[in-house]
Amino acid sequence: MKERAALALALCLVLRGTVIPAQSEKVAFRFGPPSGTALTYTVNGQVSVSGKDFVGKDLTLDASSQGDIRLSVMNSGQDTVLAGLTTSGIEVRAQMPGQTQSQTLRTTEGKALEVVFNRAGKVMDIRNPEALAQQNVLNFSIPQILRDYFPAFPVEPAGPGDAWRENRRLTIPFQGLELQIDMTIEYTLNDILPSPDGRKAVVSAVYTVTVSGSRDLGNGSTGVFEGKGQGTGYLDFLLDRGYFTEYRVDFRTDAAFVAKQGAKRLLEMPFTFSVLAEVNLISNTRP
């Protein structure tokens, strides 16, 4: 019996020694595809607004975008990655009461938008704007897609269960003024799994959203946006390749446009605002 107990104890110690380090392993999220890598992503997004406008009329707005973005890595340095961005077209469509607007965002053939990312995936600079084929008539642009709907990675190494936070602001034209959406994103590394392309980090995200913005209504009155919301998302990142394969943002906000005169609330026009965006890797070419 004593021999069996000793054997069981030894087995437990061995298992603990192999399992615990794996669970607490810290890994580096470095956006760093090598020079010569080409990554093609599909981009799909939808923005929906419903409620009342400033004069109390029913308001419905549905905007969508669908297309592709190709990143060709020109230089992968110590702290930054320079990539040329091209697209065959991103179709943008906005449907409002009584009218529909659409446009296609493209890069000029033979030219690329030059984008500088840091190692956390944040866009640091965008160069060569003349590569964009046309003006954005719907106040929606390729640089906006990169800044608003591409993920950010932790600066420090992280292990399963670790979390990191990011703050970002989206600015969306709405009823003649700028609707500001402040997002706090809490990412959590859930697991590290094997894949044909090496280790894959599986990350979940929770979004906390605050709506703001104001407009002078005249006669000493001010209109302001108020509201809060929340949502969820996820991110898959290939640790050994240095790039992400899937990213999803999904949140909803209950808000209102409030007319005020000093501290007095004159009227409120409630509305709901929701965003769904997905960026998925569909092909990659390695040097």
C-alpha atoms as a PDB file:
ATOM      1  CA  MET A   1       0.000   0.000   0.000  1.00  0.00           C
ATOM      2  CA  LYS A   2       2.809   2.370   0.922  1.00  0.00           C
ATOM      3  CA  GLU A   3       4.446   1.741  -2.458  1.00  0.00           C
ATOM      4  CA  ARG A   4       1.187   2.527  -4.261  1.00  0.00           C
ATOM      5  CA  ALA A   5       0.718   5.710  -2.238  1.00  0.00           C
ATOM      6  CA  ALA A   6       4.274   6.802  -2.993  1.00  0.00           C
ATOM      7  CA  LEU A   7       3.756   6.049  -6.682  1.00  0.00           C
ATOM      8  CA  ALA A   8       0.503   8.041  -6.737  1.00  0.00           C
ATOM      9  CA  LEU A   9       2.175  10.979  -5.021  1.00  0.00           C
ATOM     10  CA  ALA A  10       5.063  10.907  -7.478  1.00  0.00           C
ATOM     11  CA  LEU A  11       2.623  10.778 -10.416  1.00  0.00           C
ATOM     12  CA  CYS A  12       0.738  13.806  -9.069  1.00  0.00           C
ATOM     13  CA  LEU A  13       3.951  15.766  -8.720  1.00  0.00           C
ATOM     14  CA  VAL A  14       4.957  14.903 -12.291  1.00  0.00           C
ATOM     15  CA  LEU A  15       1.553  15.920 -13.663  1.00  0.00           C
ATOM     16  CA  ARG A  16       1.609  19.188 -11.719  1.00  0.00           C
ATOM     17  CA  GLY A  17       5.074  19.878 -13.036  1.00  0.00           C
ATOM     18  CA  THR A  18       3.933  19.457 -16.632  1.00  0.00           C
ATOM     19  CA  VAL A  19       0.482  21.050 -16.521  1.00  0.00           C
ATOM     20  CA  ILE A  20       0.976  24.140 -14.383  1.00  0.00           C
ATOM     21  CA  PRO A  21       3.855  25.691 -16.374  1.00  0.00           C
ATOM     22  CA  ALA A  22       1.847  25.238 -19.589  1.00  0.00           C
ATOM     23  CA  GLN A  23      -1.146  27.034 -18.076  1.00  0.00           C
ATOM     24  CA  SER A  24       0.950  29.922 -16.756  1.00  0.00           C
ATOM     25  CA  GLU A  25       3.150  30.268 -19.839  1.00  0.00           C
ATOM     26  CA  LYS A  26       3.564  33.882 -20.944  1.00  0.00           C
ATOM     27  CA  VAL A  27       3.616  34.508 -24.680  1.00  0.00           C
ATOM     28  CA  ALA A  28       4.408  37.643 -26.677  1.00  0.00           C
ATOM     29  CA  PHE A  29       1.821  39.100 -29.052  1.00  0.00           C
ATOM     30  CA  ARG A  30       4.031  40.803 -31.609  1.00  0.00           C
ATOM     31  CA  PHE A  31       2.495  42.020 -34.819  1.00  0.00           C
ATOM     32  CA  GLY A  32       5.415  41.071 -37.011  1.00  0.00           C
ATOM     33  CA  PRO A  33       4.788  39.240 -40.294  1.00  0.00           C
ATOM     34  CA  PRO A  34       8.159  39.091 -42.097  1.00  0.00           C
ATOM     35  CA  SER A  35       8.946  41.250 -45.120  1.00  0.00           C
ATOM     36  CA  GLY A  36       7.410  39.805 -48.260  1.00  0.00           C
ATOM     37  CA  THR A  37       4.318  38.441 -46.487  1.00  0.00           C
ATOM     38  CA  ALA A  38       0.971  39.222 -48.130  1.00  0.00           C
ATOM     39  CA  LEU A  39      -2.236  39.002 -46.053  1.00  0.00           C
ATOM     40  CA  THR A  40      -5.715  39.325 -47.548  1.00  0.00           C
ATOM     41  CA  TYR A  41      -8.654  40.009 -45.233  1.00  0.00           C
ATOM     42  CA  THR A  42     -12.369  40.276 -45.850  1.00  0.00           C
ATOM     43  CA  VAL A  43     -14.006  43.254 -44.159  1.00  0.00           C
ATOM     44  CA  ASN A  44     -17.696  43.199 -43.256  1.00  0.00           C
ATOM     45  CA  GLY A  45     -19.439  45.827 -41.173  1.00  0.00           C
ATOM     46  CA  GLN A  46     -22.912  47.010 -40.286  1.00  0.00           C
ATOM     47  CA  VAL A  47     -24.115  50.092 -38.403  1.00  0.00           C
ATOM     48  CA  SER A  48     -27.797  50.405 -37.449  1.00  0.00           C
ATOM     49  CA  VAL A  49     -29.661  53.303 -35.850  1.00  0.00           C
ATOM     50  CA  SER A  50     -33.342  53.411 -34.961  1.00  0.00           C
ATOM     51  CA  GLY A  51     -35.423  55.874 -32.961  1.00  0.00           C
ATOM     52  CA  LYS A  52     -36.299  59.564 -33.297  1.00  0.00           C
ATOM     53  CA  ASP A  53     -34.440  62.401 -34.991  1.00  0.00           C
ATOM     54  CA  PHE A  54     -34.093  65.963 -33.670  1.00  0.00           C
ATOM     55  CA  VAL A  55     -37.619  66.971 -34.684  1.00  0.00           C
ATOM     56  CA  GLY A  56     -39.261  63.795 -33.447  1.00  0.00           C
ATOM     57  CA  LYS A  57     -39.614  61.962 -36.756  1.00  0.00           C
ATOM     58  CA  ASP A  58     -38.940  58.252 -37.006  1.00  0.00           C
ATOM     59  CA  LEU A  59     -35.323  57.595 -37.862  1.00  0.00           C
ATOM     60  CA  THR A  60     -33.894  54.482 -39.438  1.00  0.00           C
ATOM     61  CA  LEU A  61     -30.336  54.200 -40.705  1.00  0.00           C
ATOM     62  CA  ASP A  62     -28.708  51.026 -41.944  1.00  0.00           C
ATOM     63  CA  ALA A  63     -25.160  51.248 -43.266  1.00  0.00           C
ATOM     64  CA  SER A  64     -23.052  48.326 -44.410  1.00  0.00           C
ATOM     65  CA  SER A  65     -19.607  47.719 -45.848  1.00  0.00           C
ATOM     66  CA  GLN A  66     -18.197  44.647 -47.558  1.00  0.00           C
ATOM     67  CA  GLY A  67     -14.947  44.034 -49.391  1.00  0.00           C
ATOM     68  CA  ASP A  68     -11.307  43.059 -49.035  1.00  0.00           C
ATOM     69  CA  ILE A  69      -8.026  44.523 -47.848  1.00  0.00           C
ATOM     70  CA  ARG A  70      -4.594  43.217 -48.872  1.00  0.00           C
ATOM     71  CA  LEU A  71      -1.550  44.024 -46.738  1.00  0.00           C
ATOM     72  CA  SER A  72       1.836  43.469 -48.383  1.00  0.00           C
ATOM     73  CA  VAL A  73       4.618  43.762 -45.820  1.00  0.00           C
ATOM     74  CA  MET A  74       7.369  45.987 -47.214  1.00  0.00           C
ATOM     75  CA  ASN A  75       9.573  46.172 -44.141  1.00  0.00           C
ATOM     76  CA  SER A  76       9.383  44.434 -40.774  1.00  0.00           C
ATOM     77  CA  GLY A  77      11.682  46.324 -38.421  1.00  0.00           C
ATOM     78  CA  GLN A  78      12.488  46.167 -34.737  1.00  0.00           C
ATOM     79  CA  ASP A  79       9.602  48.356 -33.557  1.00  0.00           C
ATOM     80  CA  THR A  80       7.344  48.865 -36.574  1.00  0.00           C
ATOM     81  CA  VAL A  81       5.934  47.148 -39.638  1.00  0.00           C
ATOM     82  CA  LEU A  82       5.480  49.009 -42.939  1.00  0.00           C
ATOM     83  CA  ALA A  83       2.832  47.506 -45.215  1.00  0.00           C
ATOM     84  CA  GLY A  84       1.367  48.516 -48.547  1.00  0.00           C
ATOM     85  CA  LEU A  85      -2.439  48.371 -48.535  1.00  0.00           C
ATOM     86  CA  THR A  86      -4.503  47.738 -51.655  1.00  0.00           C
ATOM     87  CA  THR A  87      -8.119  46.754 -52.214  1.00  0.00           C
ATOM     88  CA  SER A  88     -10.149  45.604 -55.189  1.00  0.00           C
ATOM     89  CA  GLY A  89     -13.100  47.417 -53.650  1.00  0.00           C
ATOM     90  CA  ILE A  90     -15.061  47.903 -50.440  1.00  0.00           C
ATOM     91  CA  GLU A  91     -18.740  48.469 -51.143  1.00  0.00           C
ATOM     92  CA  VAL A  92     -20.349  50.945 -48.728  1.00  0.00           C
ATOM     93  CA  ARG A  93     -24.116  51.395 -48.675  1.00  0.00           C
ATOM     94  CA  ALA A  94     -26.299  53.606 -46.451  1.00  0.00           C
ATOM     95  CA  GLN A  95     -30.082  53.356 -46.417  1.00  0.00           C
ATOM     96  CA  MET A  96     -32.135  56.135 -44.812  1.00  0.00           C
ATOM     97  CA  PRO A  97     -35.815  57.057 -45.006  1.00  0.00           C
ATOM     98  CA  GLY A  98     -36.481  58.012 -48.599  1.00  0.00           C
ATOM     99  CA  GLN A  99     -32.953  57.625 -49.913  1.00  0.00           C
ATOM    100  CA  THR A 100     -30.083  55.226 -50.444  1.00  0.00           C
ATOM    101  CA  GLN A 101     -26.446  56.203 -50.960  1.00  0.00           C
ATOM    102  CA  SER A 102     -23.576  53.979 -52.020  1.00  0.00           C
ATOM    103  CA  GLN A 103     -19.940  54.161 -53.015  1.00  0.00           C
ATOM    104  CA  THR A 104     -16.963  51.878 -53.581  1.00  0.00           C
ATOM    105  CA  LEU A 105     -13.709  52.512 -51.752  1.00  0.00           C
ATOM    106  CA  ARG A 106     -10.692  51.546 -53.875  1.00  0.00           C
ATOM    107  CA  THR A 107      -7.000  52.108 -54.216  1.00  0.00           C
ATOM    108  CA  THR A 108      -5.658  53.316 -57.551  1.00  0.00           C
ATOM    109  CA  GLU A 109      -4.269  50.509 -59.699  1.00  0.00           C
ATOM    110  CA  GLY A 110      -0.510  50.274 -59.304  1.00  0.00           C
ATOM    111  CA  LYS A 111      -0.486  52.341 -56.080  1.00  0.00           C
ATOM    112  CA  ALA A 112      -0.669  51.328 -52.431  1.00  0.00           C
ATOM    113  CA  LEU A 113      -1.581  53.144 -49.251  1.00  0.00           C
ATOM    114  CA  GLU A 114       1.446  52.870 -46.952  1.00  0.00           C
ATOM    115  CA  VAL A 115       0.545  51.957 -43.369  1.00  0.00           C
ATOM    116  CA  VAL A 116       2.925  51.914 -40.398  1.00  0.00           C
ATOM    117  CA  PHE A 117       1.921  49.603 -37.518  1.00  0.00           C
ATOM    118  CA  ASN A 118       3.682  49.282 -34.191  1.00  0.00           C
ATOM    119  CA  ARG A 119       4.299  45.840 -32.671  1.00  0.00           C
ATOM    120  CA  ALA A 120       0.988  46.029 -30.772  1.00  0.00           C
ATOM    121  CA  GLY A 121      -0.881  46.325 -34.093  1.00  0.00           C
ATOM    122  CA  LYS A 122      -1.761  50.006 -33.657  1.00  0.00           C
ATOM    123  CA  VAL A 123      -1.740  52.228 -36.751  1.00  0.00           C
ATOM    124  CA  MET A 124       0.990  54.828 -36.213  1.00  0.00           C
ATOM    125  CA  ASP A 125       1.018  56.548 -39.609  1.00  0.00           C
ATOM    126  CA  ILE A 126      -0.685  56.400 -43.012  1.00  0.00           C
ATOM    127  CA  ARG A 127       1.235  57.643 -46.033  1.00  0.00           C
ATOM    128  CA  ASN A 128       0.685  58.061 -49.757  1.00  0.00           C
ATOM    129  CA  PRO A 129      -3.007  59.130 -49.518  1.00  0.00           C
ATOM    130  CA  GLU A 130      -3.045  59.765 -53.270  1.00  0.00           C
ATOM    131  CA  ALA A 131      -3.323  55.977 -53.629  1.00  0.00           C
ATOM    132  CA  LEU A 132      -7.002  56.290 -52.662  1.00  0.00           C
ATOM    133  CA  ALA A 133      -9.074  56.298 -55.829  1.00  0.00           C
ATOM    134  CA  GLN A 134     -11.817  58.716 -54.737  1.00  0.00           C
ATOM    135  CA  GLN A 135     -13.148  60.935 -51.978  1.00  0.00           C
ATOM    136  CA  ASN A 136     -15.297  59.316 -49.325  1.00  0.00           C
ATOM    137  CA  VAL A 137     -18.771  60.757 -49.805  1.00  0.00           C
ATOM    138  CA  LEU A 138     -20.331  58.756 -46.963  1.00  0.00           C
ATOM    139  CA  ASN A 139     -17.797  59.866 -44.326  1.00  0.00           C
ATOM    140  CA  PHE A 140     -16.360  56.364 -44.282  1.00  0.00           C
ATOM    141  CA  SER A 141     -12.816  55.614 -45.390  1.00  0.00           C
ATOM    142  CA  ILE A 142     -10.129  52.949 -45.540  1.00  0.00           C
ATOM    143  CA  PRO A 143      -7.974  54.705 -42.891  1.00  0.00           C
ATOM    144  CA  GLN A 144     -11.047  54.751 -40.632  1.00  0.00           C
ATOM    145  CA  ILE A 145     -11.475  50.981 -41.065  1.00  0.00           C
ATOM    146  CA  LEU A 146      -7.866  50.418 -40.011  1.00  0.00           C
ATOM    147  CA  ARG A 147      -8.044  52.682 -36.973  1.00  0.00           C
ATOM    148  CA  ASP A 148     -11.522  51.701 -35.749  1.00  0.00           C
ATOM    149  CA  TYR A 149     -11.911  48.025 -36.607  1.00  0.00           C
ATOM    150  CA  PHE A 150      -8.467  46.413 -36.412  1.00  0.00           C
ATOM    151  CA  PRO A 151      -7.483  44.816 -33.070  1.00  0.00           C
ATOM    152  CA  ALA A 152      -4.792  45.831 -30.597  1.00  0.00           C
ATOM    153  CA  PHE A 153      -2.448  43.379 -28.878  1.00  0.00           C
ATOM    154  CA  PRO A 154      -0.900  43.476 -25.392  1.00  0.00           C
ATOM    155  CA  VAL A 155       2.424  45.248 -24.983  1.00  0.00           C
ATOM    156  CA  GLU A 156       3.589  42.828 -22.287  1.00  0.00           C
ATOM    157  CA  PRO A 157       3.639  39.005 -22.573  1.00  0.00           C
ATOM    158  CA  ALA A 158       0.388  37.369 -21.460  1.00  0.00           C
ATOM    159  CA  GLY A 159      -0.674  33.916 -20.297  1.00  0.00           C
ATOM    160  CA  PRO A 160      -4.048  32.130 -20.213  1.00  0.00           C
ATOM    161  CA  GLY A 161      -6.396  34.094 -17.971  1.00  0.00           C
ATOM    162  CA  ASP A 162      -4.476  37.361 -18.350  1.00  0.00           C
ATOM    163  CA  ALA A 163      -6.327  40.476 -19.527  1.00  0.00           C
ATOM    164  CA  TRP A 164      -5.352  43.786 -21.113  1.00  0.00           C
ATOM    165  CA  ARG A 165      -7.308  46.939 -21.828  1.00  0.00           C
ATOM    166  CA  GLU A 166      -7.552  49.347 -24.722  1.00  0.00           C
ATOM    167  CA  ASN A 167      -9.427  52.632 -25.133  1.00  0.00           C
ATOM    168  CA  ARG A 168     -10.456  53.994 -28.497  1.00  0.00           C
ATOM    169  CA  ARG A 169     -12.872  56.570 -29.884  1.00  0.00           C
ATOM    170  CA  LEU A 170     -15.084  56.195 -32.950  1.00  0.00           C
ATOM    171  CA  THR A 171     -16.461  59.349 -34.544  1.00  0.00           C
ATOM    172  CA  ILE A 172     -19.535  58.939 -36.736  1.00  0.00           C
ATOM    173  CA  PRO A 173     -21.417  61.783 -38.529  1.00  0.00           C
ATOM    174  CA  PHE A 174     -25.034  61.802 -37.350  1.00  0.00           C
ATOM    175  CA  GLN A 175     -27.787  64.360 -37.981  1.00  0.00           C
ATOM    176  CA  GLY A 176     -25.349  67.154 -38.797  1.00  0.00           C
ATOM    177  CA  LEU A 177     -22.923  66.643 -35.920  1.00  0.00           C
ATOM    178  CA  GLU A 178     -20.310  64.165 -34.790  1.00  0.00           C
ATOM    179  CA  LEU A 179     -21.471  61.276 -32.638  1.00  0.00           C
ATOM    180  CA  GLN A 180     -18.543  60.200 -30.457  1.00  0.00           C
ATOM    181  CA  ILE A 181     -18.374  56.614 -29.256  1.00  0.00           C
ATOM    182  CA  ASP A 182     -15.825  55.946 -26.528  1.00  0.00           C
ATOM    183  CA  MET A 183     -15.008  52.255 -26.154  1.00  0.00           C
ATOM    184  CA  THR A 184     -13.158  50.487 -23.379  1.00  0.00           C
ATOM    185  CA  ILE A 185     -12.148  47.042 -24.598  1.00  0.00           C
ATOM    186  CA  GLU A 186     -11.137  44.358 -22.116  1.00  0.00           C
ATOM    187  CA  TYR A 187      -9.329  41.500 -23.857  1.00  0.00           C
ATOM    188  CA  THR A 188      -8.756  38.151 -22.105  1.00  0.00           C
ATOM    189  CA  LEU A 189      -6.429  35.407 -23.336  1.00  0.00           C
ATOM    190  CA  ASN A 190      -8.549  32.281 -22.953  1.00  0.00           C
ATOM    191  CA  ASP A 191      -6.270  29.613 -24.373  1.00  0.00           C
ATOM    192  CA  ILE A 192      -3.314  28.785 -26.581  1.00  0.00           C
ATOM    193  CA  LEU A 193      -4.074  26.017 -29.056  1.00  0.00           C
ATOM    194  CA  PRO A 194      -2.013  24.158 -31.662  1.00  0.00           C
ATOM    195  CA  SER A 195      -2.819  24.842 -35.320  1.00  0.00           C
ATOM    196  CA  PRO A 196      -1.281  24.027 -38.740  1.00  0.00           C
ATOM    197  CA  ASP A 197       0.352  27.491 -38.598  1.00  0.00           C
ATOM    198  CA  GLY A 198       1.760  27.109 -35.079  1.00  0.00           C
ATOM    199  CA  ARG A 199       0.381  28.309 -31.766  1.00  0.00           C
ATOM    200  CA  LYS A 200      -2.978  30.120 -31.935  1.00  0.00           C
ATOM    201  CA  ALA A 201      -4.024  32.490 -29.160  1.00  0.00           C
ATOM    202  CA  VAL A 202      -7.789  32.494 -28.556  1.00  0.00           C
ATOM    203  CA  VAL A 203      -8.906  35.822 -27.086  1.00  0.00           C
ATOM    204  CA  SER A 204     -12.313  37.084 -25.981  1.00  0.00           C
ATOM    205  CA  ALA A 205     -13.271  40.753 -25.727  1.00  0.00           C
ATOM    206  CA  VAL A 206     -15.837  42.720 -23.716  1.00  0.00           C
ATOM    207  CA  TYR A 207     -16.791  46.230 -24.860  1.00  0.00           C
ATOM    208  CA  THR A 208     -18.094  49.037 -22.643  1.00  0.00           C
ATOM    209  CA  VAL A 209     -19.457  51.910 -24.715  1.00  0.00           C
ATOM    210  CA  THR A 210     -20.283  55.543 -23.895  1.00  0.00           C
ATOM    211  CA  VAL A 211     -21.940  57.924 -26.359  1.00  0.00           C
ATOM    212  CA  SER A 212     -21.270  61.678 -26.372  1.00  0.00           C
ATOM    213  CA  GLY A 213     -21.388  64.740 -28.637  1.00  0.00           C
ATOM    214  CA  SER A 214     -23.111  68.114 -28.608  1.00  0.00           C
ATOM    215  CA  ARG A 215     -24.711  70.730 -30.837  1.00  0.00           C
ATOM    216  CA  ASP A 216     -25.708  74.358 -30.324  1.00  0.00           C
ATOM    217  CA  LEU A 217     -29.465  74.611 -30.927  1.00  0.00           C
ATOM    218  CA  GLY A 218     -29.666  78.392 -30.521  1.00  0.00           C
ATOM    219  CA  ASN A 219     -31.689  80.459 -28.024  1.00  0.00           C
ATOM    220  CA  GLY A 220     -29.399  79.311 -25.226  1.00  0.00           C
ATOM    221  CA  SER A 221     -30.197  75.634 -25.799  1.00  0.00           C
ATOM    222  CA  THR A 222     -27.758  72.782 -26.391  1.00  0.00           C
ATOM    223  CA  GLY A 223     -28.349  69.311 -27.749  1.00  0.00           C
ATOM    224  CA  VAL A 224     -26.225  66.524 -26.345  1.00  0.00           C
ATOM    225  CA  PHE A 225     -25.906  62.790 -26.911  1.00  0.00           C
ATOM    226  CA  GLU A 226     -26.155  60.559 -23.852  1.00  0.00           C
ATOM    227  CA  GLY A 227     -26.045  56.798 -23.548  1.00  0.00           C
ATOM    228  CA  LYS A 228     -24.188  53.660 -22.596  1.00  0.00           C
ATOM    229  CA  GLY A 229     -23.938  50.167 -23.980  1.00  0.00           C
ATOM    230  CA  GLN A 230     -21.922  46.999 -24.094  1.00  0.00           C
ATOM    231  CA  GLY A 231     -20.983  44.110 -26.331  1.00  0.00           C
ATOM    232  CA  THR A 232     -18.621  41.226 -26.946  1.00  0.00           C
ATOM    233  CA  GLY A 233     -16.124  40.036 -29.533  1.00  0.00           C
ATOM    234  CA  TYR A 234     -13.194  37.750 -30.135  1.00  0.00           C
ATOM    235  CA  LEU A 235      -9.718  37.611 -31.652  1.00  0.00           C
ATOM    236  CA  ASP A 236      -7.571  34.757 -32.994  1.00  0.00           C
ATOM    237  CA  PHE A 237      -3.845  35.471 -33.279  1.00  0.00           C
ATOM    238  CA  LEU A 238      -1.082  33.251 -34.719  1.00  0.00           C
ATOM    239  CA  LEU A 239       1.775  33.712 -32.273  1.00  0.00           C
ATOM    240  CA  ASP A 240       4.431  32.079 -34.465  1.00  0.00           C
ATOM    241  CA  ARG A 241       3.381  34.000 -37.605  1.00  0.00           C
ATOM    242  CA  GLY A 242       2.844  37.420 -36.052  1.00  0.00           C
ATOM    243  CA  TYR A 243      -0.637  38.255 -37.362  1.00  0.00           C
ATOM    244  CA  PHE A 244      -4.326  37.772 -36.556  1.00  0.00           C
ATOM    245  CA  THR A 245      -6.753  35.596 -38.506  1.00  0.00           C
ATOM    246  CA  GLU A 246     -10.141  36.630 -37.091  1.00  0.00           C
ATOM    247  CA  TYR A 247     -11.518  39.650 -35.273  1.00  0.00           C
ATOM    248  CA  ARG A 248     -15.120  40.508 -34.375  1.00  0.00           C
ATOM    249  CA  VAL A 249     -16.715  43.586 -32.770  1.00  0.00           C
ATOM    250  CA  ASP A 250     -20.389  43.490 -31.726  1.00  0.00           C
ATOM    251  CA  PHE A 251     -22.044  46.055 -29.435  1.00  0.00           C
ATOM    252  CA  ARG A 252     -25.331  47.878 -28.881  1.00  0.00           C
ATOM    253  CA  THR A 253     -26.032  51.202 -27.178  1.00  0.00           C
ATOM    254  CA  ASP A 254     -29.277  52.663 -25.843  1.00  0.00           C
ATOM    255  CA  ALA A 255     -28.894  56.414 -26.174  1.00  0.00           C
ATOM    256  CA  ALA A 256     -30.794  59.673 -26.485  1.00  0.00           C
ATOM    257  CA  PHE A 257     -30.421  63.116 -27.985  1.00  0.00           C
ATOM    258  CA  VAL A 258     -31.305  65.523 -25.161  1.00  0.00           C
ATOM    259  CA  ALA A 259     -32.137  69.203 -25.623  1.00  0.00           C
ATOM    260  CA  LYS A 260     -31.059  71.240 -22.593  1.00  0.00           C
ATOM    261  CA  GLN A 261     -31.276  74.816 -21.446  1.00  0.00           C
ATOM    262  CA  GLY A 262     -28.815  75.080 -18.614  1.00  0.00           C
ATOM    263  CA  ALA A 263     -29.548  72.169 -16.281  1.00  0.00           C
ATOM    264  CA  LYS A 264     -33.137  71.880 -17.500  1.00  0.00           C
ATOM    265  CA  ARG A 265     -33.952  68.984 -19.840  1.00  0.00           C
ATOM    266  CA  LEU A 266     -36.385  70.265 -22.467  1.00  0.00           C
ATOM    267  CA  LEU A 267     -36.943  67.054 -24.424  1.00  0.00           C
ATOM    268  CA  GLU A 268     -35.391  63.661 -25.142  1.00  0.00           C
ATOM    269  CA  MET A 269     -35.268  61.701 -28.403  1.00  0.00           C
ATOM    270  CA  PRO A 270     -34.252  58.086 -27.625  1.00  0.00           C
ATOM    271  CA  PHE A 271     -32.527  55.884 -30.165  1.00  0.00           C
ATOM    272  CA  THR A 272     -30.541  52.647 -30.340  1.00  0.00           C
ATOM    273  CA  PHE A 273     -27.163  52.331 -31.994  1.00  0.00           C
ATOM    274  CA  SER A 274     -25.436  49.066 -32.869  1.00  0.00           C
ATOM    275  CA  VAL A 275     -22.216  48.071 -34.616  1.00  0.00           C
ATOM    276  CA  LEU A 276     -21.141  44.696 -35.962  1.00  0.00           C
ATOM    277  CA  ALA A 277     -17.784  44.324 -37.711  1.00  0.00           C
ATOM    278  CA  GLU A 278     -15.750  41.294 -38.754  1.00  0.00           C
ATOM    279  CA  VAL A 279     -12.258  41.050 -40.251  1.00  0.00           C
ATOM    280  CA  ASN A 280     -11.230  37.572 -41.427  1.00  0.00           C
ATOM    281  CA  LEU A 281      -8.025  36.327 -43.087  1.00  0.00           C
ATOM    282  CA  ILE A 282      -8.796  34.491 -46.331  1.00  0.00           C
ATOM    283  CA  SER A 283      -5.321  34.051 -47.786  1.00  0.00           C
ATOM    284  CA  ASN A 284      -1.691  34.527 -46.881  1.00  0.00           C
ATOM    285  CA  THR A 285       1.498  34.341 -48.906  1.00  0.00           C
ATOM    286  CA  ARG A 286       4.767  33.905 -47.028  1.00  0.00           C
ATOM    287  CA  PRO A 287       8.205  34.747 -48.414  1.00  0.00           C
END
